N, C-alpha and C. Protein backbone atom coordinates (compact mmCIF):
# COMPACT_ATOMS: atom_id res chain seq x y z
N MET A 1 116.04 112.44 110.97
CA MET A 1 116.62 111.33 110.23
C MET A 1 115.88 110.01 110.54
N THR A 2 115.58 109.82 111.83
CA THR A 2 114.85 108.61 112.23
C THR A 2 113.50 108.55 111.55
N GLU A 3 112.84 109.72 111.46
CA GLU A 3 111.53 109.81 110.78
C GLU A 3 111.65 109.32 109.35
N THR A 4 112.70 109.73 108.65
CA THR A 4 112.90 109.34 107.26
C THR A 4 113.09 107.83 107.12
N LEU A 5 113.82 107.24 108.07
CA LEU A 5 114.11 105.82 107.98
C LEU A 5 112.95 104.94 108.43
N PHE A 6 112.30 105.30 109.54
CA PHE A 6 111.31 104.41 110.13
C PHE A 6 109.87 104.78 109.84
N GLY A 7 109.61 105.97 109.32
CA GLY A 7 108.24 106.40 109.06
C GLY A 7 107.46 105.45 108.16
N PRO A 8 107.93 105.15 106.95
CA PRO A 8 107.19 104.24 106.07
C PRO A 8 107.02 102.84 106.66
N ALA A 9 108.03 102.35 107.34
CA ALA A 9 107.94 101.02 107.94
C ALA A 9 106.90 101.01 109.07
N LEU A 10 106.86 102.08 109.87
CA LEU A 10 105.87 102.19 110.95
C LEU A 10 104.46 102.25 110.38
N VAL A 11 104.27 103.04 109.33
CA VAL A 11 102.96 103.15 108.69
C VAL A 11 102.51 101.79 108.19
N GLU A 12 103.38 101.08 107.50
CA GLU A 12 103.02 99.78 106.93
C GLU A 12 102.72 98.75 108.01
N GLU A 13 103.60 98.60 109.00
CA GLU A 13 103.39 97.59 110.03
C GLU A 13 102.16 97.88 110.88
N ALA A 14 101.99 99.14 111.28
CA ALA A 14 100.83 99.49 112.11
C ALA A 14 99.53 99.28 111.34
N THR A 15 99.51 99.67 110.07
CA THR A 15 98.28 99.55 109.28
C THR A 15 97.97 98.09 108.97
N LYS A 16 99.00 97.28 108.70
CA LYS A 16 98.78 95.86 108.45
C LYS A 16 98.15 95.16 109.65
N LYS A 17 98.62 95.51 110.84
CA LYS A 17 98.19 94.81 112.04
C LYS A 17 96.87 95.31 112.61
N SER A 18 96.48 96.50 112.23
CA SER A 18 95.25 97.07 112.78
C SER A 18 94.04 96.56 112.01
N GLY A 19 92.99 96.23 112.72
CA GLY A 19 91.76 95.77 112.07
C GLY A 19 90.95 96.91 111.48
N LEU A 20 91.09 98.10 112.07
CA LEU A 20 90.37 99.29 111.60
C LEU A 20 91.32 100.46 111.46
N ILE A 21 91.01 101.32 110.52
CA ILE A 21 91.70 102.59 110.42
C ILE A 21 90.64 103.69 110.46
N TRP A 22 91.00 104.83 111.00
CA TRP A 22 90.10 105.98 111.04
C TRP A 22 90.49 106.88 109.89
N VAL A 23 89.54 107.15 108.99
CA VAL A 23 89.82 107.90 107.77
C VAL A 23 88.92 109.13 107.71
N ARG A 24 89.54 110.28 107.42
CA ARG A 24 88.78 111.52 107.24
C ARG A 24 89.18 112.11 105.90
N GLY A 25 88.20 112.17 105.01
CA GLY A 25 88.42 112.80 103.71
C GLY A 25 87.84 114.20 103.75
N ASP A 26 86.90 114.49 102.84
CA ASP A 26 86.23 115.79 102.82
C ASP A 26 85.11 115.89 103.85
N ALA A 27 84.74 114.76 104.46
CA ALA A 27 83.69 114.77 105.48
C ALA A 27 84.24 115.40 106.77
N PRO A 28 83.37 116.00 107.59
CA PRO A 28 83.86 116.68 108.78
C PRO A 28 84.41 115.75 109.86
N ALA A 29 83.96 114.51 109.93
CA ALA A 29 84.41 113.60 110.98
C ALA A 29 85.09 112.38 110.37
N ALA A 30 86.04 111.82 111.13
CA ALA A 30 86.71 110.60 110.70
C ALA A 30 85.75 109.42 110.87
N ARG A 31 85.95 108.39 110.07
CA ARG A 31 85.10 107.21 110.10
C ARG A 31 85.98 105.97 110.20
N ALA A 32 85.57 105.02 111.03
CA ALA A 32 86.31 103.76 111.15
C ALA A 32 85.98 102.87 109.95
N LEU A 33 87.03 102.36 109.29
CA LEU A 33 86.84 101.52 108.12
C LEU A 33 87.68 100.26 108.25
N TRP A 34 87.12 99.12 107.86
CA TRP A 34 87.94 97.91 107.78
C TRP A 34 88.68 97.97 106.46
N HIS A 35 89.82 97.34 106.39
CA HIS A 35 90.70 97.49 105.24
C HIS A 35 91.62 96.29 105.12
N VAL A 36 92.37 96.25 104.05
CA VAL A 36 93.52 95.35 103.92
C VAL A 36 94.70 96.17 103.42
N TRP A 37 95.88 95.77 103.83
CA TRP A 37 97.10 96.39 103.31
C TRP A 37 97.59 95.51 102.18
N HIS A 38 97.76 96.10 101.01
CA HIS A 38 98.16 95.32 99.84
C HIS A 38 99.01 96.20 98.93
N GLU A 39 100.19 95.72 98.58
CA GLU A 39 101.10 96.40 97.66
C GLU A 39 101.33 97.87 98.03
N GLY A 40 101.66 98.10 99.30
CA GLY A 40 102.06 99.43 99.73
C GLY A 40 100.96 100.43 100.01
N ALA A 41 99.72 99.97 100.16
CA ALA A 41 98.61 100.89 100.43
C ALA A 41 97.48 100.16 101.13
N ALA A 42 96.65 100.94 101.82
CA ALA A 42 95.43 100.39 102.42
C ALA A 42 94.35 100.40 101.36
N HIS A 43 93.57 99.34 101.30
CA HIS A 43 92.46 99.24 100.35
C HIS A 43 91.16 99.06 101.13
N VAL A 44 90.13 99.80 100.72
CA VAL A 44 88.82 99.71 101.35
C VAL A 44 87.76 99.52 100.27
N VAL A 45 86.65 98.90 100.66
CA VAL A 45 85.53 98.74 99.75
C VAL A 45 84.29 99.25 100.46
N GLY A 46 83.40 99.90 99.70
CA GLY A 46 82.18 100.41 100.33
C GLY A 46 81.29 101.15 99.37
N ASP A 47 80.36 101.91 99.95
CA ASP A 47 79.36 102.72 99.24
C ASP A 47 78.38 101.89 98.44
N GLY A 48 78.18 100.67 98.82
CA GLY A 48 77.19 99.83 98.17
C GLY A 48 76.27 99.22 99.21
N PRO A 49 75.21 98.56 98.78
CA PRO A 49 74.28 97.94 99.73
C PRO A 49 74.99 96.91 100.61
N GLY A 50 74.85 97.06 101.91
CA GLY A 50 75.45 96.13 102.86
C GLY A 50 76.93 96.34 103.11
N GLU A 51 77.50 97.39 102.55
CA GLU A 51 78.92 97.66 102.74
C GLU A 51 79.10 98.97 103.51
N GLN A 52 80.31 99.20 103.98
CA GLN A 52 80.58 100.40 104.76
C GLN A 52 80.50 101.66 103.90
N PRO A 53 79.98 102.74 104.47
CA PRO A 53 79.94 104.00 103.72
C PRO A 53 81.34 104.62 103.67
N LEU A 54 81.63 105.31 102.58
CA LEU A 54 82.92 105.97 102.40
C LEU A 54 82.71 107.47 102.17
N PRO A 55 82.13 108.18 103.15
CA PRO A 55 81.81 109.59 102.93
C PRO A 55 83.07 110.45 102.85
N GLY A 56 83.07 111.35 101.89
CA GLY A 56 84.16 112.29 101.76
C GLY A 56 85.41 111.74 101.11
N LEU A 57 85.42 110.49 100.70
CA LEU A 57 86.59 109.93 100.03
C LEU A 57 86.36 109.98 98.52
N VAL A 58 87.09 110.88 97.88
CA VAL A 58 86.92 111.14 96.46
C VAL A 58 88.23 110.86 95.75
N ALA A 59 88.16 110.17 94.61
CA ALA A 59 89.36 109.89 93.83
C ALA A 59 90.08 111.18 93.48
N GLY A 60 91.38 111.18 93.63
CA GLY A 60 92.19 112.35 93.32
C GLY A 60 92.38 113.29 94.49
N SER A 61 91.72 113.01 95.61
CA SER A 61 91.87 113.87 96.78
C SER A 61 92.82 113.21 97.79
N THR A 62 92.93 113.82 98.96
CA THR A 62 93.73 113.24 100.02
C THR A 62 92.83 112.94 101.21
N ALA A 63 93.33 112.08 102.09
CA ALA A 63 92.61 111.73 103.31
C ALA A 63 93.60 111.60 104.44
N GLU A 64 93.16 111.90 105.65
CA GLU A 64 93.97 111.71 106.84
C GLU A 64 93.61 110.36 107.44
N VAL A 65 94.60 109.52 107.63
CA VAL A 65 94.40 108.18 108.16
C VAL A 65 95.06 108.09 109.53
N THR A 66 94.31 107.63 110.52
CA THR A 66 94.86 107.41 111.85
C THR A 66 94.74 105.92 112.14
N VAL A 67 95.85 105.33 112.57
CA VAL A 67 95.90 103.89 112.81
C VAL A 67 95.91 103.66 114.32
N ARG A 68 95.06 102.74 114.75
CA ARG A 68 94.99 102.43 116.17
C ARG A 68 95.64 101.08 116.45
N SER A 69 95.99 100.89 117.70
CA SER A 69 96.55 99.63 118.15
C SER A 69 95.44 98.59 118.24
N LYS A 70 95.68 97.42 117.72
CA LYS A 70 94.68 96.35 117.80
C LYS A 70 94.51 95.89 119.24
N ASP A 71 95.58 95.93 120.03
CA ASP A 71 95.54 95.47 121.41
C ASP A 71 94.87 96.47 122.35
N LYS A 72 95.37 97.68 122.36
CA LYS A 72 94.92 98.68 123.34
C LYS A 72 93.92 99.68 122.79
N GLY A 73 93.85 99.81 121.47
CA GLY A 73 92.91 100.75 120.86
C GLY A 73 93.41 102.18 120.77
N GLY A 74 94.61 102.46 121.27
CA GLY A 74 95.16 103.81 121.22
C GLY A 74 95.76 104.12 119.85
N ARG A 75 95.89 105.41 119.55
CA ARG A 75 96.47 105.82 118.27
C ARG A 75 97.97 105.53 118.24
N ILE A 76 98.42 104.98 117.11
CA ILE A 76 99.84 104.68 116.94
C ILE A 76 100.49 105.68 116.00
N VAL A 77 99.87 105.85 114.83
CA VAL A 77 100.46 106.71 113.81
C VAL A 77 99.34 107.31 112.96
N ALA A 78 99.61 108.48 112.43
CA ALA A 78 98.67 109.13 111.49
C ALA A 78 99.46 109.46 110.23
N TRP A 79 98.81 109.31 109.08
CA TRP A 79 99.47 109.60 107.82
C TRP A 79 98.48 110.15 106.81
N THR A 80 99.01 110.86 105.82
CA THR A 80 98.21 111.43 104.76
C THR A 80 98.22 110.47 103.58
N ALA A 81 97.04 110.22 103.01
CA ALA A 81 96.91 109.27 101.91
C ALA A 81 96.40 109.95 100.65
N ALA A 82 96.91 109.50 99.53
CA ALA A 82 96.36 109.88 98.23
C ALA A 82 95.27 108.85 97.91
N VAL A 83 94.07 109.34 97.59
CA VAL A 83 92.92 108.46 97.33
C VAL A 83 92.82 108.19 95.84
N THR A 84 92.76 106.90 95.48
CA THR A 84 92.60 106.49 94.09
C THR A 84 91.48 105.46 94.03
N GLU A 85 90.56 105.63 93.09
CA GLU A 85 89.51 104.63 92.89
C GLU A 85 89.98 103.65 91.83
N LEU A 86 89.91 102.37 92.15
CA LEU A 86 90.35 101.33 91.22
C LEU A 86 89.19 100.96 90.29
N ALA A 87 89.49 100.85 89.04
CA ALA A 87 88.46 100.52 88.03
C ALA A 87 88.24 99.01 87.99
N PRO A 88 86.98 98.56 88.04
CA PRO A 88 86.69 97.13 87.97
C PRO A 88 87.26 96.51 86.70
N GLY A 89 87.78 95.29 86.86
CA GLY A 89 88.30 94.55 85.72
C GLY A 89 89.78 94.77 85.45
N THR A 90 90.38 95.76 86.08
CA THR A 90 91.82 95.98 85.89
C THR A 90 92.59 94.98 86.76
N GLN A 91 93.83 94.78 86.42
CA GLN A 91 94.67 93.85 87.18
C GLN A 91 94.82 94.32 88.63
N GLU A 92 94.99 95.62 88.83
CA GLU A 92 95.12 96.18 90.18
C GLU A 92 93.84 95.96 90.99
N TRP A 93 92.68 96.16 90.36
CA TRP A 93 91.39 95.96 91.04
C TRP A 93 91.22 94.49 91.42
N ASP A 94 91.53 93.58 90.49
CA ASP A 94 91.38 92.14 90.75
C ASP A 94 92.25 91.70 91.93
N ALA A 95 93.50 92.19 91.98
CA ALA A 95 94.41 91.82 93.08
C ALA A 95 93.91 92.37 94.40
N ALA A 96 93.45 93.61 94.42
CA ALA A 96 92.95 94.21 95.66
C ALA A 96 91.68 93.51 96.13
N VAL A 97 90.78 93.21 95.22
CA VAL A 97 89.51 92.55 95.57
C VAL A 97 89.77 91.13 96.10
N ALA A 98 90.76 90.45 95.55
CA ALA A 98 91.10 89.11 96.06
C ALA A 98 91.51 89.19 97.53
N GLU A 99 92.28 90.21 97.88
CA GLU A 99 92.68 90.40 99.28
C GLU A 99 91.50 90.82 100.14
N LEU A 100 90.70 91.75 99.65
CA LEU A 100 89.54 92.23 100.41
C LEU A 100 88.53 91.10 100.66
N LYS A 101 88.33 90.29 99.65
CA LYS A 101 87.35 89.19 99.75
C LYS A 101 87.73 88.23 100.86
N GLY A 102 89.03 87.99 101.02
CA GLY A 102 89.50 87.09 102.07
C GLY A 102 89.28 87.64 103.47
N LYS A 103 89.19 88.95 103.61
CA LYS A 103 89.03 89.59 104.92
C LYS A 103 87.59 90.00 105.22
N ARG A 104 86.70 89.93 104.23
CA ARG A 104 85.32 90.38 104.41
C ARG A 104 84.57 89.37 105.28
N LEU A 105 84.07 89.85 106.41
CA LEU A 105 83.32 88.99 107.31
C LEU A 105 81.82 89.11 107.03
N ASN A 106 81.10 88.04 107.27
CA ASN A 106 79.63 88.03 107.20
C ASN A 106 79.06 88.43 105.84
N ALA A 107 79.73 88.07 104.79
CA ALA A 107 79.21 88.37 103.45
C ALA A 107 78.08 87.39 103.13
N THR A 108 77.01 87.92 102.59
CA THR A 108 75.85 87.08 102.29
C THR A 108 75.97 86.37 100.95
N ASP A 109 76.77 86.92 100.05
CA ASP A 109 76.81 86.36 98.69
C ASP A 109 78.07 85.57 98.36
N GLY A 110 79.00 85.41 99.29
CA GLY A 110 80.17 84.55 99.12
C GLY A 110 80.95 84.77 97.84
N GLU A 111 80.90 83.79 96.96
CA GLU A 111 81.69 83.83 95.72
C GLU A 111 81.23 84.89 94.74
N ALA A 112 79.99 85.34 94.84
CA ALA A 112 79.47 86.36 93.93
C ALA A 112 79.82 87.78 94.39
N MET A 113 80.49 87.89 95.53
CA MET A 113 80.82 89.19 96.09
C MET A 113 81.64 90.08 95.14
N PRO A 114 82.69 89.60 94.49
CA PRO A 114 83.44 90.47 93.57
C PRO A 114 82.59 91.06 92.44
N GLU A 115 81.66 90.27 91.91
CA GLU A 115 80.79 90.79 90.85
C GLU A 115 79.87 91.89 91.39
N ARG A 116 79.37 91.70 92.60
CA ARG A 116 78.52 92.72 93.23
C ARG A 116 79.33 93.98 93.50
N TRP A 117 80.55 93.82 93.99
CA TRP A 117 81.40 94.99 94.24
C TRP A 117 81.67 95.74 92.93
N ALA A 118 81.88 95.01 91.85
CA ALA A 118 82.14 95.66 90.55
C ALA A 118 80.93 96.47 90.10
N ARG A 119 79.72 95.95 90.33
CA ARG A 119 78.50 96.63 89.90
C ARG A 119 78.10 97.79 90.82
N GLU A 120 78.19 97.56 92.15
CA GLU A 120 77.52 98.46 93.08
C GLU A 120 78.42 99.22 94.06
N CYS A 121 79.69 98.90 94.14
CA CYS A 121 80.55 99.47 95.16
C CYS A 121 81.76 100.17 94.57
N ARG A 122 82.50 100.82 95.44
CA ARG A 122 83.76 101.44 95.06
C ARG A 122 84.89 100.77 95.84
N VAL A 123 85.99 100.51 95.18
CA VAL A 123 87.20 100.00 95.83
C VAL A 123 88.22 101.13 95.74
N LEU A 124 88.70 101.57 96.91
CA LEU A 124 89.62 102.69 96.97
C LEU A 124 90.98 102.25 97.48
N ARG A 125 92.00 102.85 96.91
CA ARG A 125 93.39 102.63 97.35
C ARG A 125 93.82 103.88 98.09
N LEU A 126 94.27 103.73 99.33
CA LEU A 126 94.76 104.84 100.14
C LEU A 126 96.27 104.67 100.28
N GLU A 127 96.99 105.38 99.43
CA GLU A 127 98.44 105.23 99.38
C GLU A 127 99.11 106.31 100.21
N PRO A 128 100.01 105.92 101.13
CA PRO A 128 100.67 106.92 101.97
C PRO A 128 101.42 107.95 101.12
N ARG A 129 101.12 109.20 101.38
CA ARG A 129 101.79 110.30 100.69
C ARG A 129 102.91 110.82 101.59
N ASP A 130 102.56 111.19 102.81
CA ASP A 130 103.53 111.58 103.82
C ASP A 130 103.63 110.41 104.78
N SER A 131 104.86 110.07 105.16
CA SER A 131 105.01 108.88 105.99
C SER A 131 104.26 109.01 107.30
N THR A 132 104.40 110.12 108.00
CA THR A 132 103.62 110.29 109.23
C THR A 132 103.28 111.76 109.40
N THR A 133 102.22 111.99 110.11
CA THR A 133 101.83 113.34 110.50
C THR A 133 101.71 113.35 112.01
N ASP A 134 101.58 114.52 112.59
CA ASP A 134 101.43 114.60 114.04
C ASP A 134 100.12 113.97 114.47
N LEU A 135 100.17 113.23 115.56
CA LEU A 135 98.93 112.67 116.10
C LEU A 135 98.09 113.80 116.66
N PRO A 136 96.80 113.78 116.41
CA PRO A 136 95.94 114.86 116.89
C PRO A 136 95.81 114.83 118.41
N ASP A 137 95.59 116.00 118.99
CA ASP A 137 95.33 116.10 120.42
C ASP A 137 93.85 115.86 120.67
N GLY A 138 93.52 115.39 121.83
CA GLY A 138 92.11 115.20 122.19
C GLY A 138 91.57 113.89 121.67
N SER A 139 90.29 113.67 121.92
CA SER A 139 89.68 112.38 121.59
C SER A 139 89.20 112.27 120.15
N LEU A 140 88.89 113.39 119.50
CA LEU A 140 88.34 113.41 118.15
C LEU A 140 86.96 112.76 118.07
N ALA A 141 86.35 112.48 119.20
CA ALA A 141 85.02 111.87 119.21
C ALA A 141 84.00 112.88 118.71
N ALA A 142 83.08 112.42 117.89
CA ALA A 142 82.01 113.28 117.39
C ALA A 142 80.99 113.53 118.50
N VAL A 143 80.41 114.70 118.49
CA VAL A 143 79.38 115.03 119.46
C VAL A 143 78.14 114.21 119.14
N PRO A 144 77.55 113.55 120.15
CA PRO A 144 76.35 112.74 119.89
C PRO A 144 75.21 113.60 119.35
N ARG A 145 74.43 113.03 118.46
CA ARG A 145 73.28 113.74 117.91
C ARG A 145 72.21 113.91 118.98
N ALA A 146 71.43 114.96 118.85
CA ALA A 146 70.31 115.17 119.76
C ALA A 146 69.29 114.05 119.58
N SER A 147 68.72 113.57 120.69
CA SER A 147 67.81 112.44 120.61
C SER A 147 66.80 112.51 121.75
N ASP A 148 65.64 111.90 121.53
CA ASP A 148 64.64 111.79 122.58
C ASP A 148 64.93 110.60 123.50
N ALA A 149 65.86 109.78 123.12
CA ALA A 149 66.17 108.59 123.91
C ALA A 149 66.71 108.99 125.28
N THR A 150 66.33 108.23 126.28
CA THR A 150 66.79 108.50 127.64
C THR A 150 67.33 107.23 128.26
N THR A 151 68.04 107.41 129.35
CA THR A 151 68.50 106.25 130.08
C THR A 151 67.37 105.77 130.99
N ARG A 152 67.54 104.60 131.53
CA ARG A 152 66.51 104.04 132.41
C ARG A 152 66.28 104.92 133.61
N ARG A 153 65.05 105.08 133.97
CA ARG A 153 64.70 105.87 135.15
C ARG A 153 64.69 104.96 136.39
N ALA A 154 64.70 105.57 137.53
CA ALA A 154 64.68 104.82 138.78
C ALA A 154 63.39 103.99 138.87
N VAL A 155 63.48 102.85 139.50
CA VAL A 155 62.33 101.97 139.68
C VAL A 155 61.41 102.58 140.73
N PRO A 156 60.11 102.65 140.46
CA PRO A 156 59.19 103.18 141.46
C PRO A 156 59.28 102.37 142.76
N ALA A 157 59.15 103.07 143.89
CA ALA A 157 59.33 102.43 145.19
C ALA A 157 58.36 101.28 145.42
N ALA A 158 57.14 101.35 144.92
CA ALA A 158 56.15 100.31 145.18
C ALA A 158 56.30 99.10 144.27
N LEU A 159 57.05 99.20 143.20
CA LEU A 159 57.14 98.11 142.22
C LEU A 159 57.69 96.82 142.81
N PRO A 160 58.77 96.82 143.58
CA PRO A 160 59.24 95.54 144.13
C PRO A 160 58.20 94.85 144.99
N ARG A 161 57.42 95.60 145.75
CA ARG A 161 56.38 94.98 146.59
C ARG A 161 55.31 94.34 145.72
N LEU A 162 54.97 95.00 144.61
CA LEU A 162 53.94 94.44 143.73
C LEU A 162 54.44 93.20 143.00
N LEU A 163 55.68 93.22 142.57
CA LEU A 163 56.22 92.09 141.80
C LEU A 163 56.57 90.90 142.68
N PHE A 164 57.07 91.18 143.86
CA PHE A 164 57.60 90.08 144.68
C PHE A 164 56.79 89.80 145.94
N LYS A 165 55.55 90.27 145.99
CA LYS A 165 54.76 90.01 147.19
C LYS A 165 54.46 88.52 147.28
N ARG A 166 54.44 88.08 148.50
CA ARG A 166 54.20 86.66 148.74
C ARG A 166 52.70 86.42 148.86
N ARG A 167 52.31 85.37 148.27
CA ARG A 167 50.89 85.02 148.36
C ARG A 167 50.66 84.33 149.69
N LYS A 168 49.67 84.78 150.33
CA LYS A 168 49.30 84.16 151.61
C LYS A 168 48.30 83.07 151.33
N ARG A 169 48.49 81.96 151.94
CA ARG A 169 47.58 80.83 151.72
C ARG A 169 46.79 80.56 152.93
């Protein structure tokens, strides 16, 4: 009963206050996305030059959203979302883009941003379908890719003497 009463309110409050949400669509791993909460759903913009990628998020599908605490970074709630792509020029798209534009940091084109988003990006609405789902066990961290990069090696024993030797006069 408590789930029925507080689930939607928890999803809304946690998602509004969080700067990032972790979203997993058809892609194998979840991805951190910046968003805004507007009219009962999270809205994200991406898949264009200079914007966040939205892999695996397809209109008409579902996505698993995990919301983290802004203060501690821990998971608060997870919910299933229905993914809808908003069409540029519609009233719903204009309202969502007005909210997104206000939250977009470090934009290079300022006032021209909505026109660029209409041409080159996708704006998605992630509407809660199920109020909450079970929080996943474990870290959900992706395994690092194989790389030739290494950490710093120990300093050779003779190097400090060479660098810091005193000149005799």
